[in-house]
N, C-alpha and C. Protein backbone atom coordinates (compact mmCIF):
# COMPACT_ATOMS: atom_id res chain seq x y z
N UNK A 1 0.77 -1.26 0.15
CA UNK A 1 0.02 0.09 -0.04
C UNK A 1 1.01 1.32 0.05
N UNK A 2 2.08 1.34 0.61
CA UNK A 2 2.87 2.44 0.47
C UNK A 2 3.53 2.67 -0.70
N UNK A 3 3.54 1.79 -1.75
CA UNK A 3 3.82 2.10 -2.95
C UNK A 3 2.88 2.66 -3.89
N UNK A 4 1.85 2.81 -3.53
CA UNK A 4 0.67 3.56 -4.23
C UNK A 4 0.88 4.94 -4.39
N UNK A 5 0.91 5.54 -5.76
CA UNK A 5 1.36 6.81 -6.13
C UNK A 5 0.07 7.40 -6.64
N UNK A 6 -0.97 7.73 -5.61
CA UNK A 6 -2.29 8.28 -6.07
C UNK A 6 -3.23 7.68 -5.24
N UNK A 7 -4.63 7.60 -5.89
CA UNK A 7 -5.69 7.18 -4.97
C UNK A 7 -6.02 5.95 -5.45
N UNK A 8 -5.40 5.43 -6.42
CA UNK A 8 -5.62 3.77 -6.60
C UNK A 8 -4.46 3.02 -7.02
N UNK A 9 -4.45 1.98 -7.03
CA UNK A 9 -3.33 0.99 -7.04
C UNK A 9 -2.47 1.03 -8.41
N UNK A 10 -1.47 0.33 -8.66
CA UNK A 10 -0.71 0.36 -9.94
C UNK A 10 -1.31 -0.10 -11.06
N UNK A 11 -2.27 -1.43 -10.87
CA UNK A 11 -2.85 -1.98 -11.72
C UNK A 11 -4.12 -1.03 -12.21
N UNK A 12 -4.63 -0.51 -11.55
CA UNK A 12 -6.02 0.34 -11.95
C UNK A 12 -5.30 1.62 -12.86
N UNK A 13 -4.25 2.09 -12.35
CA UNK A 13 -3.64 3.30 -12.99
C UNK A 13 -3.08 2.77 -14.32
N UNK A 14 -2.64 1.66 -14.50
CA UNK A 14 -2.40 1.03 -15.99
C UNK A 14 -3.68 1.09 -16.83
N UNK A 15 -4.84 0.83 -16.23
CA UNK A 15 -6.01 0.77 -16.93
C UNK A 15 -6.47 1.99 -17.49
N UNK A 16 -6.26 2.93 -16.50
CA UNK A 16 -6.72 4.27 -16.94
C UNK A 16 -5.92 4.84 -17.97
N UNK A 17 -4.30 4.59 -17.83
CA UNK A 17 -3.70 5.20 -18.75
C UNK A 17 -3.81 4.52 -20.29
N UNK A 18 -4.31 3.38 -20.22
CA UNK A 18 -4.77 2.85 -21.53
C UNK A 18 -6.01 3.47 -22.08
N UNK A 19 -6.94 3.57 -21.33
CA UNK A 19 -8.10 4.38 -21.51
C UNK A 19 -7.97 5.90 -21.95
N UNK A 20 -7.05 6.46 -21.33
CA UNK A 20 -6.62 7.92 -21.66
C UNK A 20 -6.07 8.04 -23.12
N UNK A 21 -5.24 6.97 -23.32
CA UNK A 21 -4.54 6.94 -24.73
C UNK A 21 -5.49 6.61 -25.73
N UNK A 22 -6.46 5.72 -25.62
CA UNK A 22 -7.33 5.36 -26.55
C UNK A 22 -8.39 6.69 -26.64
N UNK A 23 -8.51 7.43 -25.57
CA UNK A 23 -9.59 8.76 -25.69
C UNK A 23 -9.03 9.81 -26.50
N UNK A 24 -7.62 9.60 -26.86
CA UNK A 24 -7.17 10.67 -27.94
C UNK A 24 -8.09 10.67 -29.10
N UNK A 25 -8.48 9.56 -29.44
CA UNK A 25 -9.31 9.60 -30.89
C UNK A 25 -10.70 9.94 -30.60
N UNK A 26 -11.01 10.32 -29.46
CA UNK A 26 -12.54 10.83 -29.49
C UNK A 26 -12.52 12.19 -29.36
N UNK A 27 -13.60 12.91 -29.70
CA UNK A 27 -13.92 14.39 -29.50
C UNK A 27 -15.08 14.63 -28.77
N UNK A 28 -14.87 15.15 -27.55
CA UNK A 28 -15.94 15.49 -26.56
C UNK A 28 -16.44 16.90 -26.89
N UNK A 29 -17.87 16.82 -26.61
CA UNK A 29 -18.60 18.12 -26.81
C UNK A 29 -19.52 18.32 -25.69
N UNK A 30 -19.37 19.41 -24.87
CA UNK A 30 -19.82 19.70 -23.55
C UNK A 30 -21.36 20.05 -23.95
N UNK A 31 -22.31 19.38 -23.29
CA UNK A 31 -23.69 19.70 -23.48
C UNK A 31 -24.51 20.49 -22.43
N UNK A 32 -23.79 20.62 -21.35
CA UNK A 32 -24.25 21.16 -20.08
C UNK A 32 -24.50 20.04 -19.04
N UNK A 33 -24.27 20.71 -17.74
CA UNK A 33 -24.65 19.82 -16.43
C UNK A 33 -23.60 18.66 -16.44
N UNK A 34 -22.47 18.86 -16.77
CA UNK A 34 -21.38 17.71 -16.89
C UNK A 34 -21.75 16.65 -17.75
N UNK A 35 -22.58 16.78 -18.69
CA UNK A 35 -22.86 15.81 -19.73
C UNK A 35 -22.18 16.26 -21.04
N UNK A 36 -21.46 15.05 -21.58
CA UNK A 36 -20.81 15.39 -22.97
C UNK A 36 -21.23 14.23 -23.93
N UNK A 37 -21.12 14.82 -25.12
CA UNK A 37 -21.37 14.04 -26.40
C UNK A 37 -20.30 13.67 -26.97
N UNK A 38 -19.69 12.31 -26.82
CA UNK A 38 -18.38 12.15 -27.52
C UNK A 38 -18.56 11.41 -28.72
N UNK A 39 -17.76 11.74 -29.75
CA UNK A 39 -17.58 11.28 -31.02
C UNK A 39 -16.42 10.42 -31.34
N UNK A 40 -16.47 9.23 -31.46
CA UNK A 40 -15.38 8.30 -31.81
C UNK A 40 -14.70 8.46 -33.33
N UNK A 41 -13.65 8.19 -33.36
CA UNK A 41 -13.11 8.41 -34.88
C UNK A 41 -13.86 7.47 -35.81
N UNK A 42 -14.41 6.33 -35.46
CA UNK A 42 -15.10 5.44 -36.29
C UNK A 42 -16.49 6.00 -36.81
N UNK A 43 -16.96 7.17 -36.00
CA UNK A 43 -18.22 7.73 -36.25
C UNK A 43 -19.31 7.44 -35.26
N UNK A 44 -19.14 6.62 -34.27
CA UNK A 44 -20.19 6.45 -33.33
C UNK A 44 -20.17 7.53 -32.21
N UNK A 45 -21.17 7.62 -31.73
CA UNK A 45 -21.28 8.74 -30.69
C UNK A 45 -21.87 8.08 -29.35
N UNK A 46 -21.44 8.66 -28.20
CA UNK A 46 -21.75 8.30 -26.93
C UNK A 46 -22.04 9.37 -25.92
N UNK A 47 -22.72 9.05 -25.00
CA UNK A 47 -23.31 10.01 -24.01
C UNK A 47 -22.56 9.85 -22.86
N UNK A 48 -21.95 10.69 -22.14
CA UNK A 48 -21.15 10.46 -20.91
C UNK A 48 -21.94 11.37 -19.93
N UNK A 49 -22.19 11.12 -18.84
CA UNK A 49 -22.59 11.73 -17.65
C UNK A 49 -21.71 11.63 -16.52
N UNK A 50 -20.89 12.90 -16.36
CA UNK A 50 -19.83 12.54 -15.20
C UNK A 50 -20.54 12.77 -14.03
N UNK A 51 -21.59 13.35 -13.71
CA UNK A 51 -22.22 13.07 -12.33
C UNK A 51 -22.84 11.99 -11.95
N UNK A 52 -23.36 11.25 -12.95
CA UNK A 52 -24.02 9.85 -12.56
C UNK A 52 -23.02 8.66 -12.85
N UNK A 53 -21.58 9.09 -13.30
CA UNK A 53 -20.78 8.24 -13.72
C UNK A 53 -21.24 7.26 -14.59
N UNK A 54 -21.66 7.44 -15.74
CA UNK A 54 -22.35 6.55 -16.62
C UNK A 54 -21.91 7.04 -17.98
N UNK A 55 -21.80 6.02 -18.86
CA UNK A 55 -21.31 6.16 -20.32
C UNK A 55 -22.40 5.16 -21.04
N UNK A 56 -22.83 5.72 -22.31
CA UNK A 56 -23.76 4.77 -23.11
C UNK A 56 -23.12 3.52 -23.56
N UNK A 57 -21.94 3.52 -23.55
CA UNK A 57 -21.21 2.07 -23.97
C UNK A 57 -21.29 1.06 -22.84
N UNK A 58 -21.66 1.43 -21.74
CA UNK A 58 -21.80 0.63 -20.55
C UNK A 58 -20.63 0.09 -20.17
N UNK A 59 -19.64 0.42 -20.50
CA UNK A 59 -18.24 -0.17 -19.73
C UNK A 59 -18.09 0.61 -18.51
N UNK A 60 -18.08 1.92 -18.53
CA UNK A 60 -18.08 2.55 -17.10
C UNK A 60 -19.08 1.79 -15.87
N UNK A 61 -20.20 1.85 -16.29
CA UNK A 61 -21.27 1.38 -15.52
C UNK A 61 -21.05 -0.18 -14.96
N UNK A 62 -20.43 -0.86 -15.96
CA UNK A 62 -20.21 -2.48 -15.33
C UNK A 62 -18.94 -2.47 -14.58
N UNK A 63 -17.81 -1.87 -15.02
CA UNK A 63 -16.57 -2.01 -14.26
C UNK A 63 -16.17 -0.88 -13.12
N UNK A 64 -16.94 0.22 -13.12
CA UNK A 64 -16.74 1.22 -12.12
C UNK A 64 -15.44 2.12 -12.52
N UNK A 65 -14.75 1.80 -13.64
CA UNK A 65 -13.61 2.57 -13.93
C UNK A 65 -13.85 3.43 -15.40
N UNK A 66 -13.46 4.67 -15.44
CA UNK A 66 -13.91 5.55 -16.49
C UNK A 66 -13.54 4.80 -17.91
N UNK A 67 -14.38 4.66 -18.92
CA UNK A 67 -14.07 4.16 -20.16
C UNK A 67 -13.37 5.34 -21.09
N UNK A 68 -12.91 4.90 -22.06
CA UNK A 68 -12.10 5.88 -23.08
C UNK A 68 -12.88 7.15 -23.41
N UNK A 69 -14.23 6.92 -23.39
CA UNK A 69 -15.16 8.14 -23.78
C UNK A 69 -15.16 9.07 -22.60
N UNK A 70 -15.27 8.48 -21.19
CA UNK A 70 -15.22 9.39 -20.01
C UNK A 70 -13.89 9.94 -19.93
N UNK A 71 -12.95 9.36 -20.20
CA UNK A 71 -11.43 9.89 -20.33
C UNK A 71 -11.31 11.09 -21.07
N UNK A 72 -11.80 10.78 -22.13
CA UNK A 72 -11.89 11.93 -23.23
C UNK A 72 -12.86 13.25 -22.73
N UNK A 73 -13.89 13.09 -22.08
CA UNK A 73 -14.71 14.02 -21.54
C UNK A 73 -13.99 14.76 -20.32
N UNK A 74 -13.21 13.91 -19.44
CA UNK A 74 -12.57 14.57 -18.35
C UNK A 74 -11.46 15.29 -18.79
N UNK A 75 -10.84 14.90 -19.93
CA UNK A 75 -9.63 15.67 -20.28
C UNK A 75 -10.09 16.94 -21.00
N UNK A 76 -11.40 17.18 -21.23
CA UNK A 76 -11.86 18.34 -21.83
C UNK A 76 -11.85 19.43 -21.01
N UNK A 77 -11.89 19.28 -19.68
CA UNK A 77 -11.46 20.25 -18.83
C UNK A 77 -10.25 19.95 -17.72
N UNK A 78 -9.48 19.22 -18.22
CA UNK A 78 -8.15 19.01 -17.79
C UNK A 78 -8.19 18.37 -16.21
N UNK A 79 -9.29 17.41 -16.23
CA UNK A 79 -9.53 16.74 -14.90
C UNK A 79 -8.79 15.54 -14.78
N UNK A 80 -8.81 14.84 -13.49
CA UNK A 80 -8.12 13.61 -13.26
C UNK A 80 -9.23 12.56 -13.24
N UNK A 81 -8.95 11.44 -14.24
CA UNK A 81 -9.86 10.18 -14.25
C UNK A 81 -9.85 9.67 -12.89
N UNK A 82 -8.77 9.63 -12.13
CA UNK A 82 -8.91 8.92 -11.02
C UNK A 82 -9.97 9.39 -9.98
N UNK A 83 -10.38 10.69 -10.17
CA UNK A 83 -11.56 11.30 -9.18
C UNK A 83 -12.94 10.59 -9.47
N UNK A 84 -12.97 9.95 -10.60
CA UNK A 84 -14.09 9.16 -11.09
C UNK A 84 -14.21 7.86 -10.94
N UNK A 85 -13.05 7.31 -10.50
CA UNK A 85 -13.09 5.67 -10.12
C UNK A 85 -14.02 5.43 -8.94
N UNK A 86 -14.64 4.33 -9.02
CA UNK A 86 -15.42 3.83 -7.91
C UNK A 86 -14.70 3.77 -6.52
N UNK A 87 -15.37 3.89 -5.49
CA UNK A 87 -14.76 4.06 -4.12
C UNK A 87 -14.03 2.67 -3.86
N UNK A 88 -14.54 1.51 -4.18
CA UNK A 88 -13.78 0.20 -3.85
C UNK A 88 -12.57 0.12 -4.68
N UNK A 89 -12.12 0.84 -5.46
CA UNK A 89 -10.84 0.75 -6.13
C UNK A 89 -9.88 1.65 -5.40
N UNK A 90 -10.01 2.73 -4.43
CA UNK A 90 -9.37 3.41 -3.83
C UNK A 90 -8.82 2.86 -2.78
N UNK A 91 -7.66 3.82 -2.30
CA UNK A 91 -6.79 3.25 -1.21
C UNK A 91 -7.69 3.17 0.32
N UNK A 92 -8.57 4.02 0.47
CA UNK A 92 -9.18 3.85 1.73
C UNK A 92 -10.25 2.68 1.93
N UNK A 93 -10.74 2.11 0.49
CA UNK A 93 -11.41 1.08 0.67
C UNK A 93 -10.55 -0.27 1.05
N UNK A 94 -9.33 -0.28 0.59
CA UNK A 94 -8.34 -1.27 0.87
C UNK A 94 -8.17 -1.17 2.32
N UNK A 95 -7.72 -0.03 2.76
CA UNK A 95 -7.23 -0.10 4.22
C UNK A 95 -8.65 -0.44 5.26
N UNK A 96 -9.82 -0.05 4.93
CA UNK A 96 -10.89 -0.52 5.60
C UNK A 96 -11.05 -1.96 5.69
N UNK A 97 -10.74 -2.61 4.41
CA UNK A 97 -10.87 -4.01 4.31
C UNK A 97 -9.89 -4.86 5.30
N UNK A 98 -8.64 -4.36 5.31
CA UNK A 98 -7.77 -5.04 5.92
C UNK A 98 -7.27 -4.50 7.20
N UNK A 99 -8.17 -3.42 7.78
CA UNK A 99 -7.70 -2.99 8.99
C UNK A 99 -7.78 -3.86 10.28
N UNK A 100 -8.57 -4.87 10.23
CA UNK A 100 -8.82 -5.82 11.22
C UNK A 100 -7.66 -6.93 11.08
N UNK A 101 -7.26 -7.46 12.40
CA UNK A 101 -5.95 -8.25 12.26
C UNK A 101 -6.58 -9.72 11.92
N UNK A 102 -5.66 -10.23 10.98
CA UNK A 102 -6.05 -11.69 10.70
C UNK A 102 -5.30 -12.74 11.49
N UNK A 103 -6.34 -13.17 12.48
CA UNK A 103 -5.57 -14.10 13.42
C UNK A 103 -4.66 -15.25 13.08
N UNK A 104 -3.59 -15.61 13.39
CA UNK A 104 -2.74 -16.63 13.00
C UNK A 104 -3.32 -18.13 13.48
N UNK A 105 -3.19 -19.02 12.62
CA UNK A 105 -3.57 -20.34 12.85
C UNK A 105 -2.47 -21.41 12.88
N UNK A 106 -2.58 -22.36 13.83
CA UNK A 106 -1.52 -23.51 13.87
C UNK A 106 -1.84 -24.50 12.65
N UNK A 107 -0.91 -25.38 12.55
CA UNK A 107 -0.83 -26.29 11.50
C UNK A 107 -2.09 -27.18 11.89
N UNK A 108 -2.45 -28.20 10.95
CA UNK A 108 -3.52 -28.91 10.95
C UNK A 108 -3.35 -30.15 11.96
N UNK A 109 -2.13 -30.63 12.32
CA UNK A 109 -1.88 -31.70 13.20
C UNK A 109 -1.89 -31.05 14.51
N UNK A 110 -2.09 -29.84 14.73
CA UNK A 110 -2.21 -29.37 16.10
C UNK A 110 -3.51 -28.92 16.42
N UNK A 111 -4.72 -29.24 15.63
CA UNK A 111 -5.82 -28.93 15.76
C UNK A 111 -6.37 -29.82 16.76
N UNK A 112 -7.50 -29.44 17.85
CA UNK A 112 -8.02 -30.34 18.82
C UNK A 112 -8.89 -31.46 18.07
N UNK A 113 -8.86 -32.76 18.59
CA UNK A 113 -9.28 -34.01 18.02
C UNK A 113 -10.81 -33.74 18.44
N UNK A 114 -11.80 -34.11 17.75
CA UNK A 114 -13.23 -34.07 17.98
C UNK A 114 -13.45 -35.47 18.15
N UNK A 115 -12.91 -36.53 17.86
CA UNK A 115 -13.39 -38.03 18.02
C UNK A 115 -14.25 -38.61 17.13
N UNK A 116 -14.56 -37.86 16.17
CA UNK A 116 -15.60 -38.13 15.12
C UNK A 116 -14.75 -38.89 13.82
N UNK A 117 -15.44 -39.82 13.13
CA UNK A 117 -14.75 -40.28 12.01
C UNK A 117 -14.44 -39.18 10.87
N UNK A 118 -13.30 -39.43 10.30
CA UNK A 118 -12.87 -38.31 9.37
C UNK A 118 -13.83 -38.18 8.17
N UNK A 119 -14.05 -37.18 7.56
CA UNK A 119 -15.01 -37.11 6.35
C UNK A 119 -14.30 -37.65 5.19
N UNK A 120 -15.14 -38.32 4.47
CA UNK A 120 -14.53 -39.04 3.24
C UNK A 120 -15.17 -38.57 1.98
N UNK A 121 -14.68 -38.54 0.73
CA UNK A 121 -15.35 -38.10 -0.36
C UNK A 121 -16.58 -38.94 -0.84
N UNK A 122 -17.39 -38.36 -1.29
CA UNK A 122 -18.57 -39.07 -1.90
C UNK A 122 -18.23 -40.30 -2.79
N UNK A 123 -19.12 -41.48 -2.78
CA UNK A 123 -18.83 -42.54 -3.61
C UNK A 123 -19.00 -42.09 -5.06
N UNK A 124 -18.05 -42.70 -5.91
CA UNK A 124 -18.04 -42.56 -7.17
C UNK A 124 -18.92 -43.78 -7.94
N UNK A 125 -19.84 -43.04 -8.77
CA UNK A 125 -20.70 -44.10 -9.39
C UNK A 125 -20.38 -43.94 -10.88
N UNK A 126 -19.97 -44.75 -11.42
CA UNK A 126 -19.75 -44.80 -13.03
C UNK A 126 -21.11 -44.69 -13.66
N UNK A 127 -21.13 -43.68 -14.44
CA UNK A 127 -22.48 -43.33 -15.41
C UNK A 127 -22.30 -44.37 -16.60
N UNK A 128 -23.86 -44.90 -16.86
CA UNK A 128 -23.57 -45.73 -18.05
C UNK A 128 -23.60 -45.00 -19.42
N UNK A 129 -23.18 -45.80 -20.24
CA UNK A 129 -22.88 -45.10 -21.64
C UNK A 129 -21.24 -44.88 -21.77
N UNK A 130 -20.92 -44.52 -22.82
CA UNK A 130 -19.54 -44.28 -23.36
C UNK A 130 -19.16 -42.87 -22.83
N UNK A 131 -18.23 -42.81 -22.05
CA UNK A 131 -17.85 -41.38 -21.48
C UNK A 131 -17.41 -40.34 -22.66
N UNK A 132 -18.02 -39.11 -22.38
CA UNK A 132 -17.75 -38.07 -23.45
C UNK A 132 -16.46 -37.42 -23.43
N UNK A 133 -15.80 -37.30 -24.64
CA UNK A 133 -14.43 -36.62 -24.32
C UNK A 133 -14.33 -35.32 -24.88
N UNK A 134 -15.37 -34.72 -25.35
CA UNK A 134 -15.47 -33.19 -25.65
C UNK A 134 -16.52 -32.67 -24.64
N UNK A 135 -16.08 -31.22 -24.34
CA UNK A 135 -16.89 -30.60 -23.40
C UNK A 135 -17.99 -30.06 -24.06
N UNK A 136 -19.01 -29.57 -23.17
CA UNK A 136 -20.14 -28.87 -23.62
C UNK A 136 -20.05 -27.42 -24.13
N UNK A 137 -20.22 -27.20 -25.23
CA UNK A 137 -19.93 -25.72 -25.73
C UNK A 137 -21.22 -24.85 -25.66
N UNK A 138 -20.91 -23.73 -25.47
CA UNK A 138 -21.80 -22.76 -25.34
C UNK A 138 -22.85 -22.41 -26.58
N UNK A 139 -23.99 -21.85 -26.52
CA UNK A 139 -24.81 -21.94 -27.73
C UNK A 139 -24.27 -20.83 -28.72
N UNK A 140 -23.51 -19.83 -28.30
CA UNK A 140 -23.04 -18.81 -28.94
C UNK A 140 -21.39 -19.18 -29.47
N UNK A 141 -21.02 -20.21 -28.97
CA UNK A 141 -19.54 -20.38 -29.29
C UNK A 141 -19.36 -21.01 -30.72
N UNK A 142 -18.51 -20.41 -31.53
CA UNK A 142 -18.40 -20.64 -32.78
C UNK A 142 -17.91 -22.22 -32.89
N UNK A 143 -18.47 -22.89 -34.20
CA UNK A 143 -18.21 -24.40 -34.28
C UNK A 143 -16.61 -24.48 -34.75
N UNK A 144 -16.30 -25.57 -34.64
CA UNK A 144 -14.89 -25.81 -34.96
C UNK A 144 -14.85 -26.23 -36.45
N UNK A 145 -13.88 -25.70 -37.12
CA UNK A 145 -13.74 -25.90 -38.49
C UNK A 145 -13.52 -27.47 -38.91
N UNK A 146 -14.29 -27.96 -39.76
CA UNK A 146 -14.06 -29.47 -40.09
C UNK A 146 -12.88 -29.33 -41.02
N UNK A 147 -12.56 -28.42 -41.89
CA UNK A 147 -11.45 -28.51 -42.64
C UNK A 147 -10.68 -27.05 -42.57
N UNK A 148 -9.63 -27.11 -41.77
CA UNK A 148 -8.98 -25.65 -41.28
C UNK A 148 -8.51 -25.03 -42.57
N UNK A 149 -8.18 -25.68 -43.67
CA UNK A 149 -7.73 -25.03 -44.80
C UNK A 149 -8.78 -24.50 -45.72
N UNK A 150 -10.01 -24.57 -45.49
CA UNK A 150 -11.01 -24.02 -46.10
C UNK A 150 -11.62 -22.80 -45.47
N UNK A 151 -11.83 -21.58 -46.22
CA UNK A 151 -12.25 -20.67 -45.68
C UNK A 151 -13.74 -20.63 -45.58
N UNK A 152 -14.47 -20.38 -44.20
CA UNK A 152 -15.90 -20.48 -44.10
C UNK A 152 -16.38 -19.17 -44.74
N UNK A 153 -17.81 -19.50 -45.05
CA UNK A 153 -18.55 -18.26 -45.51
C UNK A 153 -19.59 -17.80 -44.44
N UNK A 154 -19.36 -16.43 -44.08
CA UNK A 154 -20.24 -15.80 -43.05
C UNK A 154 -21.10 -14.82 -43.60
N UNK A 155 -22.26 -14.48 -43.22
CA UNK A 155 -23.42 -13.83 -43.51
C UNK A 155 -23.44 -13.82 -45.17
N UNK A 156 -23.57 -15.16 -45.62
CA UNK A 156 -23.76 -15.30 -46.97
C UNK A 156 -25.23 -15.95 -47.10
N UNK A 157 -26.10 -15.41 -48.09
CA UNK A 157 -27.28 -15.91 -48.22
C UNK A 157 -27.33 -16.99 -49.44
N UNK A 158 -27.85 -18.15 -48.87
CA UNK A 158 -27.87 -19.13 -50.01
C UNK A 158 -29.16 -19.18 -50.88
N UNK A 159 -29.12 -19.12 -52.09
CA UNK A 159 -30.20 -19.01 -52.79
C UNK A 159 -30.53 -20.27 -53.85
N UNK A 160 -31.59 -20.95 -53.90
CA UNK A 160 -31.80 -22.06 -54.75
C UNK A 160 -31.82 -21.72 -56.27
N UNK A 161 -31.22 -22.54 -57.14
CA UNK A 161 -31.46 -22.13 -58.29
C UNK A 161 -32.61 -23.04 -59.00
N UNK A 162 -33.26 -23.75 -58.35
CA UNK A 162 -34.45 -24.33 -58.78
C UNK A 162 -35.77 -23.44 -58.71
N UNK A 163 -35.84 -23.12 -57.31
CA UNK A 163 -37.27 -22.37 -56.97
C UNK A 163 -36.94 -20.89 -56.76
N UNK A 164 -35.73 -20.73 -56.65
CA UNK A 164 -35.29 -19.07 -56.29
C UNK A 164 -35.59 -18.73 -55.06
N UNK A 165 -35.96 -19.43 -54.00
CA UNK A 165 -36.10 -18.98 -52.63
C UNK A 165 -34.79 -19.00 -51.89
N UNK A 166 -34.65 -18.25 -50.99
CA UNK A 166 -33.42 -18.41 -50.01
C UNK A 166 -33.55 -19.13 -48.78
N UNK A 167 -32.32 -19.62 -48.39
CA UNK A 167 -32.22 -20.55 -47.32
C UNK A 167 -31.87 -22.01 -47.44
N UNK A 168 -31.87 -22.36 -48.86
CA UNK A 168 -31.50 -23.63 -49.21
C UNK A 168 -30.94 -23.63 -50.65
N UNK A 169 -30.31 -24.84 -51.08
CA UNK A 169 -29.69 -25.13 -52.23
C UNK A 169 -30.55 -25.80 -53.13
N UNK A 170 -30.16 -26.23 -54.41
CA UNK A 170 -30.77 -27.04 -55.25
C UNK A 170 -30.98 -28.57 -54.67
N UNK A 171 -29.96 -29.04 -54.06
CA UNK A 171 -30.16 -30.43 -53.61
C UNK A 171 -31.11 -30.58 -52.65
N UNK A 172 -31.33 -29.61 -51.68
CA UNK A 172 -32.19 -29.71 -50.55
C UNK A 172 -33.65 -29.01 -51.01
N UNK A 173 -33.92 -28.73 -52.18
CA UNK A 173 -35.26 -28.21 -52.60
C UNK A 173 -36.26 -29.12 -52.61
N UNK A 174 -37.44 -28.77 -51.82
CA UNK A 174 -38.46 -29.59 -51.87
C UNK A 174 -39.52 -29.63 -53.17
N UNK A 175 -39.48 -28.39 -54.08
CA UNK A 175 -40.06 -28.22 -55.06
C UNK A 175 -39.79 -29.25 -56.31
N UNK A 176 -40.69 -29.66 -57.12
CA UNK A 176 -40.18 -30.35 -58.37
C UNK A 176 -39.11 -29.85 -59.22
N UNK A 177 -38.22 -30.40 -59.54
CA UNK A 177 -37.05 -29.95 -60.37
C UNK A 177 -37.42 -29.40 -61.73
N UNK A 178 -36.97 -28.33 -62.02
CA UNK A 178 -37.42 -27.60 -63.29
C UNK A 178 -36.19 -27.44 -64.24
N UNK A 179 -36.26 -27.81 -65.53
CA UNK A 179 -35.18 -27.68 -66.56
C UNK A 179 -34.00 -28.39 -66.02
N UNK A 180 -34.03 -29.55 -65.30
CA UNK A 180 -32.86 -30.43 -65.06
C UNK A 180 -32.08 -30.57 -66.15
N UNK A 181 -30.77 -30.14 -66.13
CA UNK A 181 -29.87 -30.35 -67.38
C UNK A 181 -29.55 -31.89 -67.41
N UNK A 182 -29.31 -32.22 -68.64
CA UNK A 182 -29.09 -33.54 -69.11
C UNK A 182 -27.63 -33.80 -68.78
N UNK A 183 -27.12 -35.02 -68.32
CA UNK A 183 -25.87 -35.27 -68.20
C UNK A 183 -25.19 -35.49 -69.66
N UNK A 184 -24.33 -34.73 -70.07
CA UNK A 184 -23.69 -34.82 -71.29
C UNK A 184 -22.80 -36.29 -71.42
N UNK A 185 -22.86 -36.83 -72.42
CA UNK A 185 -22.17 -38.13 -72.49
C UNK A 185 -20.59 -37.77 -72.49
N UNK A 186 -19.88 -38.59 -72.02
CA UNK A 186 -18.67 -38.51 -72.02
C UNK A 186 -18.01 -38.58 -73.32
N UNK A 187 -17.26 -37.59 -73.65
CA UNK A 187 -16.56 -37.65 -74.93
C UNK A 187 -15.46 -38.57 -75.18
N UNK A 188 -15.05 -38.90 -74.13
CA UNK A 188 -13.90 -40.01 -74.02
C UNK A 188 -14.60 -41.50 -73.80
N UNK A 189 -15.70 -41.74 -74.54
CA UNK A 189 -16.13 -43.11 -74.34
C UNK A 189 -15.36 -43.96 -75.10
N UNK A 190 -15.22 -45.05 -74.57
CA UNK A 190 -14.30 -46.17 -75.07
C UNK A 190 -15.03 -46.98 -76.26
N UNK A 191 -14.42 -46.95 -77.31
CA UNK A 191 -15.11 -47.54 -78.50
C UNK A 191 -14.39 -49.14 -78.62
N UNK A 192 -15.40 -50.05 -79.07
CA UNK A 192 -14.84 -51.33 -79.08
C UNK A 192 -14.76 -51.66 -80.79
N UNK A 193 -13.54 -52.09 -81.01
CA UNK A 193 -13.40 -52.38 -82.56
C UNK A 193 -14.21 -53.51 -82.93
N UNK A 194 -14.95 -53.35 -84.21
CA UNK A 194 -15.69 -54.31 -84.70
C UNK A 194 -15.09 -55.81 -85.22
N UNK A 195 -13.79 -55.56 -85.20
CA UNK A 195 -13.14 -56.83 -85.75
C UNK A 195 -12.82 -57.85 -84.49
N UNK A 196 -13.33 -57.22 -83.50
CA UNK A 196 -13.27 -58.19 -82.30
C UNK A 196 -14.36 -59.25 -82.44
N UNK A 197 -15.42 -58.81 -82.99
CA UNK A 197 -16.64 -59.68 -82.94
C UNK A 197 -16.83 -60.58 -84.31
N UNK A 198 -15.73 -60.39 -85.18
CA UNK A 198 -15.89 -61.11 -86.56
C UNK A 198 -15.41 -62.49 -86.30
N UNK A 199 -16.18 -63.43 -86.91
CA UNK A 199 -15.90 -64.94 -86.76
C UNK A 199 -14.41 -65.32 -87.38
N UNK A 200 -13.96 -66.00 -86.68
CA UNK A 200 -12.60 -66.61 -87.18
C UNK A 200 -12.95 -67.53 -88.39
N UNK A 201 -12.09 -67.35 -89.67
CA UNK A 201 -12.19 -68.25 -90.66
C UNK A 201 -11.26 -69.24 -90.76
């Protein structure tokens, strides 16, 4: 705690420095009552309220640390982002947490004996069926590529060449096939010499 140079620890200061560097790409406009409209270089706009400690990107609301948009708004009037960090990140909160003494404990072999049977782990019951080797994936987790050398198509609308509807192709179409092209005969068809079938004289 003695190594802290400011209101927050070195890890939180590192996060704030990253947000302040990223906030240089933002243009804050003061709207009044400590509210700012911050425009990012990508064209997106965010609303920052310094009094309520909120930002429309929700990053400040969830973490308690000023996001890059809030750091850009604070730098508009040359403020210090550490003043807008939540109280549980500050030095006073850490001192209140560890102000009580943590009593020392002896090793386990010196604990008083209760005379009861020692606790054992629960019995293991082998589940029926073949054990699974793969873990359960989340519903929004991307699927593993069957062929890593093949580039997958994302956000591509498949259109059927038979009925013209979207969402399936010709092979999975339920409508009757229209103008199904004939298979051309192989031009390299093997020809049998008629001399093979002539009777021997």
